[in-house]
Amino acid sequence: MSKAKFSGIIPTHKAVVAILGGGRGTRLWPLTEQRSKPAVPLGGKYRLIDIPISNCINSRLNKIFVLTQFNSASLNRHVNFTYKFDYFTKGFVEILAAEQREDCDVWFQGTADAIRRSFRHFTPYKPEYMIILSGDQLYKMDYRKLLRFHIESEADCTVSCVACNREDAKEFGLMNLDDNFSIVDFAEKPKEDNILDKFKATDEVKTKFGLDKSKESYLASMGIYIFNTDKLLEMLSDESRSDFGKHIIPDSVKNGLSVKGYVFNDYWEDIGTIKAFFNANLMMAQKMPPFDIYNPEAPIYTNPRYLPSTKVYSCRIGTSLIADGCIMEKADLDNCVIGQRSVINEGVTLKEVVMMGSDEHERLEDLEKNEERGIPSIGIGANSVIERCIIDKGARIGKNVKIINRNNSTEEEHQDWAIREGIVIIKKGVIIPDDTVI
């Protein structure tokens, strides 16, 4: 397949997007115990998958596949209910779950293997460009600018990159660029100091690519790629190349393909750990957050649930983000993200809490049955105190509960809750009885 000459009009209709749903999401466990990583709730009303899909829609890219293989039921429901294009376009968002076939009886072996084994679903659309994205990152990008850069630089492959510090650099693919933005060296997640030193950005590099001169910087791969389809197929023909960062990108550089780096100078966060997820949510509640959910030119799309407005009775609310359908009475909130249909009762104190809410409102008869059974209703019971905590969907927290990490633990494991990086996570749908102290 030959690359068409660039006419100045960005050919989004010639591109197909594949969003990688990630592996088991072990670093986000227990949030991924019952759902795939892209289905994890975010910012009170969204899910992680809404970020790359919204970026695509805002970039006029409308042929989108989401590849997943673990706990995909809730992700399937969300995508099917949310993303419906009209009959007069050829757009779609389609889930591709890992398949076992006669010629292959194992699951996806890596990011590149997922693309290789799904390629037969892309072929009918005759894409000239394959855009490959990650499903667990928080950022806003106009992919048309990335595609324009790819075409104008006559690249076979373009890797989007962002500046990071030395500690974070160990968890990403690192690259060195020449004056023409070509990747001349690439290393995946280097831990050794002598290798890291090779990728430290010089003042000249910082100036050229618009990086902050006052900070030690490395150019890290964002896991966002554009390939000319013919070149991608060539690289995927070797089945030993199972991963983009470990095999496809470094091998493309070594084999003399034109591999370019596109420097992204805006907010980007890899939501790969509980701490990163927790901080990213709380950041969205800030007065002027670096990730702006209020920009009308680049909205974030999600499932329209047609919920009533939130009701607040005599509460003190500090810096917080509160979604629709919540009921709060005489509560004290400071630096919180409160998800849809959350119920917070009288006398509750929340500080640095990400509460994911509930999938349903309980009716009056449900509340009466809960009392008869001696279990808390969905939400947070009266006079509870919760600090530095993530409360997953549908949790039932009783009265006078204290969730304060009383032992200052960094890591703990329990049936109904866990502690990760000092943050308490209340698991989805569990019951925390009255007077419990965690």
Protein backbone atom coordinates (compact mmCIF):
# COMPACT_ATOMS: atom_id res chain seq x y z
CA MET A 1 0.00 0.00 0.00
CA SER A 2 1.61 3.27 -1.04
CA LYS A 3 1.27 6.45 0.96
CA ALA A 4 -0.88 9.07 -0.77
CA LYS A 5 0.66 12.47 -1.40
CA PHE A 6 -0.38 14.93 1.30
CA SER A 7 -2.72 17.58 -0.10
CA GLY A 8 -2.97 19.72 3.01
CA ILE A 9 -6.31 18.20 4.07
CA ILE A 10 -5.78 15.82 6.97
CA PRO A 11 -7.07 12.43 5.74
CA THR A 12 -8.76 11.20 8.92
CA HIS A 13 -11.05 9.03 6.76
CA LYS A 14 -8.00 6.95 5.78
CA ALA A 15 -7.16 6.07 9.39
CA VAL A 16 -8.37 3.32 11.69
CA VAL A 17 -7.86 3.62 15.46
CA ALA A 18 -7.07 0.70 17.76
CA ILE A 19 -7.25 1.41 21.51
CA LEU A 20 -5.37 -1.13 23.61
CA GLY A 21 -7.41 -2.12 26.64
CA GLY A 22 -4.40 -3.22 28.64
CA GLY A 23 -3.59 -6.39 30.50
CA ARG A 24 -4.90 -7.55 33.87
CA GLY A 25 -4.42 -4.11 35.42
CA THR A 26 -2.68 -5.58 38.46
CA ARG A 27 -1.24 -2.21 39.54
CA LEU A 28 -4.80 -0.80 39.73
CA TRP A 29 -6.13 -3.78 41.70
CA PRO A 30 -8.63 -4.00 43.46
CA LEU A 31 -10.33 -1.47 41.16
CA THR A 32 -9.73 -3.99 38.37
CA GLU A 33 -10.94 -7.01 40.34
CA GLN A 34 -14.34 -6.98 38.59
CA ARG A 35 -13.68 -4.79 35.54
CA SER A 36 -11.06 -4.15 32.89
CA LYS A 37 -8.71 -1.21 33.31
CA PRO A 38 -10.38 1.03 30.67
CA ALA A 39 -13.73 0.55 32.46
CA VAL A 40 -12.50 2.01 35.78
CA PRO A 41 -14.66 5.07 36.73
CA LEU A 42 -13.01 8.48 36.55
CA GLY A 43 -13.87 12.01 37.62
CA GLY A 44 -17.28 11.21 39.12
CA LYS A 45 -19.08 10.32 35.88
CA TYR A 46 -16.65 9.07 33.22
CA ARG A 47 -14.62 5.92 32.61
CA LEU A 48 -10.98 5.77 31.54
CA ILE A 49 -11.96 4.57 28.05
CA ASP A 50 -13.94 7.79 27.50
CA ILE A 51 -10.69 9.76 27.30
CA PRO A 52 -9.12 8.25 24.15
CA ILE A 53 -12.52 7.75 22.48
CA SER A 54 -13.45 11.40 23.11
CA ASN A 55 -10.07 12.50 21.76
CA CYS A 56 -10.81 10.47 18.61
CA ILE A 57 -14.30 11.92 18.14
CA ASN A 58 -13.02 15.46 18.72
CA SER A 59 -10.29 14.74 16.13
CA ARG A 60 -12.88 13.56 13.55
CA LEU A 61 -11.63 9.98 13.74
CA ASN A 62 -14.65 7.69 13.78
CA LYS A 63 -13.48 4.17 12.99
CA ILE A 64 -12.47 3.01 16.45
CA PHE A 65 -11.74 -0.46 17.82
CA VAL A 66 -11.16 -1.18 21.53
CA LEU A 67 -9.06 -4.32 22.16
CA THR A 68 -9.47 -6.10 25.47
CA GLN A 69 -9.35 -9.56 27.03
CA PHE A 70 -9.82 -9.30 30.82
CA ASN A 71 -13.10 -8.60 32.68
CA SER A 72 -14.61 -6.90 29.62
CA ALA A 73 -18.35 -7.19 30.43
CA SER A 74 -18.78 -3.73 31.99
CA LEU A 75 -16.59 -2.18 29.30
CA ASN A 76 -18.78 -3.76 26.60
CA ARG A 77 -21.94 -2.40 28.23
CA HIS A 78 -20.52 1.09 28.60
CA VAL A 79 -19.25 1.32 25.01
CA ASN A 80 -22.45 -0.16 23.53
CA PHE A 81 -24.73 2.19 25.50
CA THR A 82 -22.61 5.29 24.95
CA TYR A 83 -21.14 5.46 21.47
CA LYS A 84 -23.82 5.34 18.79
CA PHE A 85 -23.09 7.15 15.54
CA ASP A 86 -25.93 8.17 13.24
CA TYR A 87 -26.99 6.23 10.16
CA PHE A 88 -25.45 8.80 7.79
CA THR A 89 -21.85 8.21 8.86
CA LYS A 90 -19.62 5.18 8.66
CA GLY A 91 -18.40 5.71 12.20
CA PHE A 92 -18.38 3.15 15.01
CA VAL A 93 -16.75 2.18 18.29
CA GLU A 94 -16.40 -1.59 18.46
CA ILE A 95 -15.07 -3.88 21.19
CA LEU A 96 -12.68 -6.61 20.02
CA ALA A 97 -12.23 -9.22 22.76
CA ALA A 98 -9.32 -11.65 22.51
CA GLU A 99 -10.30 -14.72 20.54
CA GLN A 100 -8.99 -18.25 20.57
CA ARG A 101 -9.12 -19.76 17.08
CA GLU A 102 -8.09 -22.99 15.41
CA ASP A 103 -4.78 -21.42 14.36
CA CYS A 104 -4.09 -19.79 17.76
CA ASP A 105 -5.27 -21.07 21.13
CA VAL A 106 -3.61 -18.51 23.45
CA TRP A 107 -4.62 -15.02 24.56
CA PHE A 108 -2.88 -11.82 23.45
CA GLN A 109 0.83 -12.05 24.26
CA GLY A 110 1.51 -8.31 24.19
CA THR A 111 0.46 -5.01 22.64
CA ALA A 112 1.79 -5.81 19.16
CA ASP A 113 0.39 -9.34 19.29
CA ALA A 114 -3.06 -7.88 20.06
CA ILE A 115 -2.87 -5.72 16.92
CA ARG A 116 -1.53 -8.60 14.81
CA ARG A 117 -4.28 -10.99 15.79
CA SER A 118 -7.01 -8.37 15.38
CA PHE A 119 -5.82 -7.10 12.01
CA ARG A 120 -8.37 -9.05 10.01
CA HIS A 121 -11.04 -6.81 11.56
CA PHE A 122 -9.24 -3.66 10.36
CA THR A 123 -8.57 -4.83 6.80
CA PRO A 124 -12.09 -4.29 5.36
CA TYR A 125 -11.70 -0.53 5.96
CA LYS A 126 -8.50 -0.38 3.85
CA PRO A 127 -6.68 1.98 6.24
CA GLU A 128 -3.57 3.79 5.02
CA TYR A 129 -2.77 4.76 8.59
CA MET A 130 -3.14 2.81 11.82
CA ILE A 131 -3.40 4.92 14.97
CA ILE A 132 -2.68 2.90 18.11
CA LEU A 133 -3.62 4.32 21.52
CA SER A 134 -3.58 3.28 25.15
CA GLY A 135 -6.81 2.98 27.14
CA ASP A 136 -5.50 4.11 30.53
CA GLN A 137 -4.12 7.62 30.12
CA LEU A 138 -5.47 11.07 31.01
CA TYR A 139 -4.80 13.78 28.41
CA LYS A 140 -6.37 15.75 25.59
CA MET A 141 -4.82 15.57 22.14
CA ASP A 142 -5.96 16.54 18.67
CA TYR A 143 -4.79 13.49 16.75
CA ARG A 144 -5.13 15.45 13.51
CA LYS A 145 -2.01 17.39 14.47
CA LEU A 146 -0.21 14.13 15.11
CA LEU A 147 -1.38 12.72 11.77
CA ARG A 148 -0.33 15.91 9.95
CA PHE A 149 3.12 15.68 11.52
CA HIS A 150 3.38 12.02 10.52
CA ILE A 151 2.50 12.73 6.88
CA GLU A 152 4.54 15.92 6.47
CA SER A 153 7.64 14.30 7.97
CA GLU A 154 7.22 11.33 5.59
CA ALA A 155 7.47 8.93 8.50
CA ASP A 156 6.82 5.21 8.41
CA CYS A 157 6.04 5.34 12.11
CA THR A 158 5.51 8.20 14.55
CA VAL A 159 5.75 7.84 18.33
CA SER A 160 4.23 10.54 20.50
CA CYS A 161 6.43 11.44 23.46
CA VAL A 162 6.32 13.63 26.55
CA ALA A 163 8.94 14.99 28.94
CA CYS A 164 9.31 13.21 32.28
CA ASN A 165 11.69 13.15 35.25
CA ARG A 166 14.37 10.52 35.95
CA GLU A 167 12.32 8.40 38.35
CA ASP A 168 9.33 8.19 36.02
CA ALA A 169 11.62 7.57 33.04
CA LYS A 170 12.38 4.09 34.35
CA GLU A 171 8.77 3.04 33.62
CA PHE A 172 8.60 4.21 30.00
CA GLY A 173 10.24 3.75 26.65
CA LEU A 174 12.87 6.48 26.23
CA MET A 175 14.12 8.03 23.01
CA ASN A 176 16.69 10.40 21.59
CA LEU A 177 15.69 12.59 18.64
CA ASP A 178 17.85 14.29 16.04
CA ASP A 179 17.19 17.72 14.49
CA ASN A 180 14.67 16.20 12.09
CA PHE A 181 12.66 14.58 14.91
CA SER A 182 13.93 11.13 13.89
CA ILE A 183 14.32 8.60 16.70
CA VAL A 184 17.98 7.62 16.70
CA ASP A 185 17.96 5.57 19.90
CA PHE A 186 15.21 3.86 21.90
CA ALA A 187 15.20 1.85 25.14
CA GLU A 188 12.19 0.29 26.87
CA LYS A 189 11.96 0.93 30.63
CA PRO A 190 15.72 1.18 31.33
CA LYS A 191 16.66 0.85 35.01
CA GLU A 192 20.46 1.14 34.78
CA ASP A 193 21.97 4.57 35.46
CA ASN A 194 24.41 4.39 32.55
CA ILE A 195 21.53 3.80 30.09
CA LEU A 196 19.35 6.50 31.66
CA ASP A 197 22.21 8.99 31.33
CA LYS A 198 22.28 8.41 27.57
CA PHE A 199 18.70 9.67 27.28
CA LYS A 200 18.96 12.79 29.46
CA ALA A 201 17.84 15.81 27.43
CA THR A 202 20.54 18.43 26.87
CA ASP A 203 19.83 22.16 27.02
CA GLU A 204 19.98 22.20 23.22
CA VAL A 205 17.34 19.47 23.02
CA LYS A 206 15.17 21.25 25.60
CA THR A 207 15.31 24.45 23.58
CA LYS A 208 14.50 22.73 20.29
CA PHE A 209 11.55 20.76 21.62
CA GLY A 210 10.17 23.40 24.00
CA LEU A 211 11.03 21.63 27.27
CA ASP A 212 11.53 23.34 30.63
CA LYS A 213 15.26 24.11 30.92
CA SER A 214 15.14 24.22 34.71
CA LYS A 215 14.15 20.54 34.98
CA GLU A 216 16.02 17.33 34.28
CA SER A 217 14.06 15.82 31.40
CA TYR A 218 13.76 12.63 29.37
CA LEU A 219 11.59 12.06 26.30
CA ALA A 220 9.24 9.18 27.16
CA SER A 221 6.96 7.30 24.81
CA MET A 222 3.27 7.87 25.50
CA GLY A 223 2.34 4.54 23.93
CA ILE A 224 0.65 6.48 21.10
CA TYR A 225 1.71 5.42 17.61
CA ILE A 226 0.86 6.12 13.98
CA PHE A 227 2.02 3.61 11.39
CA ASN A 228 1.70 3.49 7.65
CA THR A 229 -0.30 0.30 7.40
CA ASP A 230 2.02 -1.44 4.95
CA LYS A 231 5.04 -0.86 7.22
CA LEU A 232 3.14 -2.03 10.28
CA LEU A 233 2.19 -5.26 8.53
CA GLU A 234 5.85 -5.82 7.64
CA MET A 235 6.90 -5.40 11.28
CA LEU A 236 4.08 -7.63 12.53
CA SER A 237 4.97 -10.44 10.12
CA ASP A 238 7.60 -11.64 12.62
CA GLU A 239 5.49 -13.24 15.35
CA SER A 240 8.33 -13.01 17.88
CA ARG A 241 7.66 -9.25 18.00
CA SER A 242 4.88 -9.27 20.56
CA ASP A 243 5.23 -5.79 22.09
CA PHE A 244 5.53 -2.31 20.60
CA GLY A 245 7.90 -0.88 23.20
CA LYS A 246 10.12 -3.95 23.50
CA HIS A 247 10.20 -5.09 19.87
CA ILE A 248 8.38 -3.12 17.16
CA ILE A 249 9.68 0.39 17.85
CA PRO A 250 13.36 -0.46 18.60
CA ASP A 251 13.44 -2.93 15.68
CA SER A 252 11.94 -0.31 13.35
CA VAL A 253 14.72 2.11 14.35
CA LYS A 254 17.43 -0.55 13.87
CA ASN A 255 16.01 -1.65 10.50
CA GLY A 256 16.25 1.82 9.04
CA LEU A 257 12.56 2.74 8.90
CA SER A 258 11.70 6.41 9.20
CA VAL A 259 10.60 6.56 12.85
CA LYS A 260 9.77 10.05 14.12
CA GLY A 261 9.08 11.45 17.58
CA TYR A 262 6.19 13.86 18.08
CA VAL A 263 6.77 15.96 21.21
CA PHE A 264 3.56 16.61 23.18
CA ASN A 265 3.84 19.66 25.45
CA ASP A 266 0.64 19.45 27.47
CA TYR A 267 -0.81 17.62 30.47
CA TRP A 268 -0.52 13.83 30.30
CA GLU A 269 -0.78 11.25 33.05
CA ASP A 270 -0.35 7.51 32.83
CA ILE A 271 -3.07 6.12 35.13
CA GLY A 272 -1.12 2.96 35.87
CA THR A 273 -1.09 2.89 39.67
CA ILE A 274 -3.55 3.54 42.51
CA LYS A 275 -1.62 6.66 43.55
CA ALA A 276 -1.61 8.08 40.02
CA PHE A 277 -5.33 7.33 39.67
CA PHE A 278 -6.14 8.89 43.06
CA ASN A 279 -4.14 12.07 42.40
CA ALA A 280 -5.50 12.47 38.87
CA ASN A 281 -9.07 12.36 40.18
CA LEU A 282 -8.43 14.90 42.93
CA MET A 283 -6.62 17.13 40.44
CA MET A 284 -9.82 17.37 38.38
CA ALA A 285 -11.52 19.09 41.34
CA GLN A 286 -9.03 21.96 41.39
CA LYS A 287 -10.13 25.46 40.42
CA MET A 288 -7.91 25.54 37.33
CA PRO A 289 -6.85 21.93 36.71
CA PRO A 290 -4.27 21.13 34.02
CA PHE A 291 -6.77 18.64 32.58
CA ASP A 292 -9.84 20.72 31.72
CA ILE A 293 -13.16 18.88 31.63
CA TYR A 294 -15.04 22.13 30.97
CA ASN A 295 -13.57 22.93 27.53
CA PRO A 296 -16.56 23.10 25.12
CA GLU A 297 -14.27 22.63 22.11
CA ALA A 298 -13.05 19.25 23.39
CA PRO A 299 -15.81 17.65 25.49
CA ILE A 300 -15.46 14.28 27.16
CA TYR A 301 -18.26 11.99 26.08
CA THR A 302 -19.82 9.33 28.27
CA ASN A 303 -23.07 7.44 28.82
CA PRO A 304 -25.95 9.93 29.24
CA ARG A 305 -27.79 8.71 32.31
CA TYR A 306 -30.49 11.43 32.60
CA LEU A 307 -30.07 11.75 36.34
CA PRO A 308 -31.70 14.36 38.57
CA SER A 309 -29.68 17.21 40.00
CA THR A 310 -27.69 16.72 43.19
CA LYS A 311 -29.41 17.70 46.45
CA VAL A 312 -27.32 19.31 49.19
CA TYR A 313 -28.72 19.99 52.68
CA SER A 314 -26.65 22.24 54.98
CA CYS A 315 -23.24 20.87 53.91
CA ARG A 316 -19.81 22.46 54.03
CA ILE A 317 -18.06 21.70 50.78
CA GLY A 318 -14.45 22.64 50.14
CA THR A 319 -12.69 22.07 46.81
CA SER A 320 -14.67 19.18 45.36
CA LEU A 321 -16.24 17.73 42.21
CA ILE A 322 -19.80 16.41 42.60
CA ALA A 323 -21.62 14.45 39.90
CA ASP A 324 -25.37 14.21 39.23
CA GLY A 325 -27.96 12.40 41.30
CA CYS A 326 -26.27 12.72 44.70
CA ILE A 327 -27.94 13.35 48.08
CA MET A 328 -25.88 14.90 50.88
CA GLU A 329 -27.00 16.12 54.27
CA LYS A 330 -25.01 18.07 56.89
CA ALA A 331 -21.75 16.63 55.60
CA ASP A 332 -18.27 18.15 55.56
CA LEU A 333 -16.28 17.61 52.34
CA ASP A 334 -12.78 18.76 51.54
CA ASN A 335 -10.90 17.91 48.34
CA CYS A 336 -13.22 15.15 47.15
CA VAL A 337 -14.61 13.67 43.94
CA ILE A 338 -18.14 12.38 44.45
CA GLY A 339 -19.57 10.04 41.83
CA GLN A 340 -23.10 9.72 40.50
CA ARG A 341 -25.92 8.67 42.84
CA SER A 342 -23.73 8.97 45.94
CA VAL A 343 -25.60 9.18 49.26
CA ILE A 344 -23.76 10.88 52.12
CA ASN A 345 -25.63 11.07 55.41
CA GLU A 346 -25.68 13.52 58.31
CA GLY A 347 -22.46 14.25 60.14
CA VAL A 348 -20.13 12.58 57.62
CA THR A 349 -16.63 14.04 57.21
CA LEU A 350 -14.71 13.33 54.00
CA LYS A 351 -11.19 14.50 53.25
CA GLU A 352 -9.35 13.51 50.06
CA VAL A 353 -11.93 10.92 49.06
CA VAL A 354 -12.75 9.56 45.60
CA MET A 355 -16.25 8.11 45.88
CA MET A 356 -17.44 6.32 42.72
CA GLY A 357 -21.14 6.35 43.60
CA SER A 358 -23.65 3.72 42.58
CA ASP A 359 -25.30 2.22 39.50
CA GLU A 360 -28.76 2.68 40.99
CA HIS A 361 -30.77 4.73 43.47
CA GLU A 362 -32.30 2.66 46.25
CA ARG A 363 -36.05 3.09 46.65
CA LEU A 364 -37.82 3.72 49.95
CA GLU A 365 -38.80 0.03 50.20
CA ASP A 366 -35.13 -0.92 49.61
CA LEU A 367 -34.05 1.28 52.51
CA GLU A 368 -36.67 -0.35 54.75
CA LYS A 369 -35.51 -3.83 53.76
CA ASN A 370 -31.90 -2.86 54.48
CA GLU A 371 -32.91 -1.81 57.99
CA GLU A 372 -34.81 -5.07 58.52
CA ARG A 373 -31.77 -7.08 57.38
CA GLY A 374 -29.45 -5.01 59.54
CA ILE A 375 -27.21 -3.84 56.70
CA PRO A 376 -26.26 -0.29 55.71
CA SER A 377 -27.83 1.28 52.65
CA ILE A 378 -25.66 2.12 49.65
CA GLY A 379 -23.57 5.18 50.49
CA ILE A 380 -21.99 6.47 53.69
CA GLY A 381 -23.77 6.21 57.05
CA ALA A 382 -24.15 9.03 59.58
CA ASN A 383 -21.16 10.39 61.52
CA SER A 384 -18.54 8.44 59.57
CA VAL A 385 -15.07 9.90 59.03
CA ILE A 386 -13.15 8.94 55.89
CA GLU A 387 -9.77 10.24 54.77
CA ARG A 388 -7.51 9.53 51.81
CA CYS A 389 -9.69 6.79 50.43
CA ILE A 390 -11.19 5.42 47.20
CA ILE A 391 -14.71 4.03 47.63
CA ASP A 392 -15.69 1.79 44.74
CA LYS A 393 -19.21 1.59 43.34
CA GLY A 394 -22.12 0.34 45.38
CA ALA A 395 -20.25 0.13 48.69
CA ARG A 396 -22.37 0.16 51.86
CA ILE A 397 -20.58 1.98 54.67
CA GLY A 398 -22.31 1.97 58.04
CA LYS A 399 -22.70 4.59 60.76
CA ASN A 400 -19.80 5.86 62.89
CA VAL A 401 -17.23 4.20 60.62
CA LYS A 402 -13.66 5.53 60.64
CA ILE A 403 -11.55 4.89 57.54
CA ILE A 404 -8.34 6.72 58.37
CA ASN A 405 -5.55 4.17 57.81
CA ARG A 406 -5.08 4.05 61.58
CA ASN A 407 -1.83 2.05 61.34
CA ASN A 408 -0.32 4.30 58.64
CA SER A 409 0.13 1.22 56.47
CA THR A 410 1.55 1.42 52.98
CA GLU A 411 0.24 -1.95 51.79
CA GLU A 412 -2.46 -4.17 53.31
CA GLU A 413 -4.83 -6.82 52.01
CA HIS A 414 -8.28 -7.70 53.35
CA GLN A 415 -11.41 -9.33 51.99
CA ASP A 416 -13.43 -6.11 51.70
CA TRP A 417 -10.71 -3.48 51.47
CA ALA A 418 -7.06 -2.94 50.67
CA ILE A 419 -4.35 -0.34 51.13
CA ARG A 420 -2.13 0.62 48.22
CA GLU A 421 0.60 3.27 48.51
CA GLY A 422 -1.03 4.47 51.75
CA ILE A 423 -4.46 4.90 50.11
CA VAL A 424 -7.39 2.85 51.44
CA ILE A 425 -9.60 1.25 48.76
CA ILE A 426 -13.06 0.03 49.71
CA LYS A 427 -13.96 -2.70 47.22
CA LYS A 428 -16.96 -2.66 44.93
CA GLY A 429 -20.30 -3.54 46.55
CA VAL A 430 -18.92 -4.53 49.96
CA ILE A 431 -20.53 -3.94 53.35
CA ILE A 432 -18.54 -2.07 56.05
CA PRO A 433 -20.53 -2.52 59.29
CA ASP A 434 -21.34 0.23 61.80
CA ASP A 435 -18.49 1.37 64.08
CA THR A 436 -15.77 -0.26 61.94
CA VAL A 437 -12.31 1.35 62.20
CA ILE A 438 -9.81 0.86 59.38
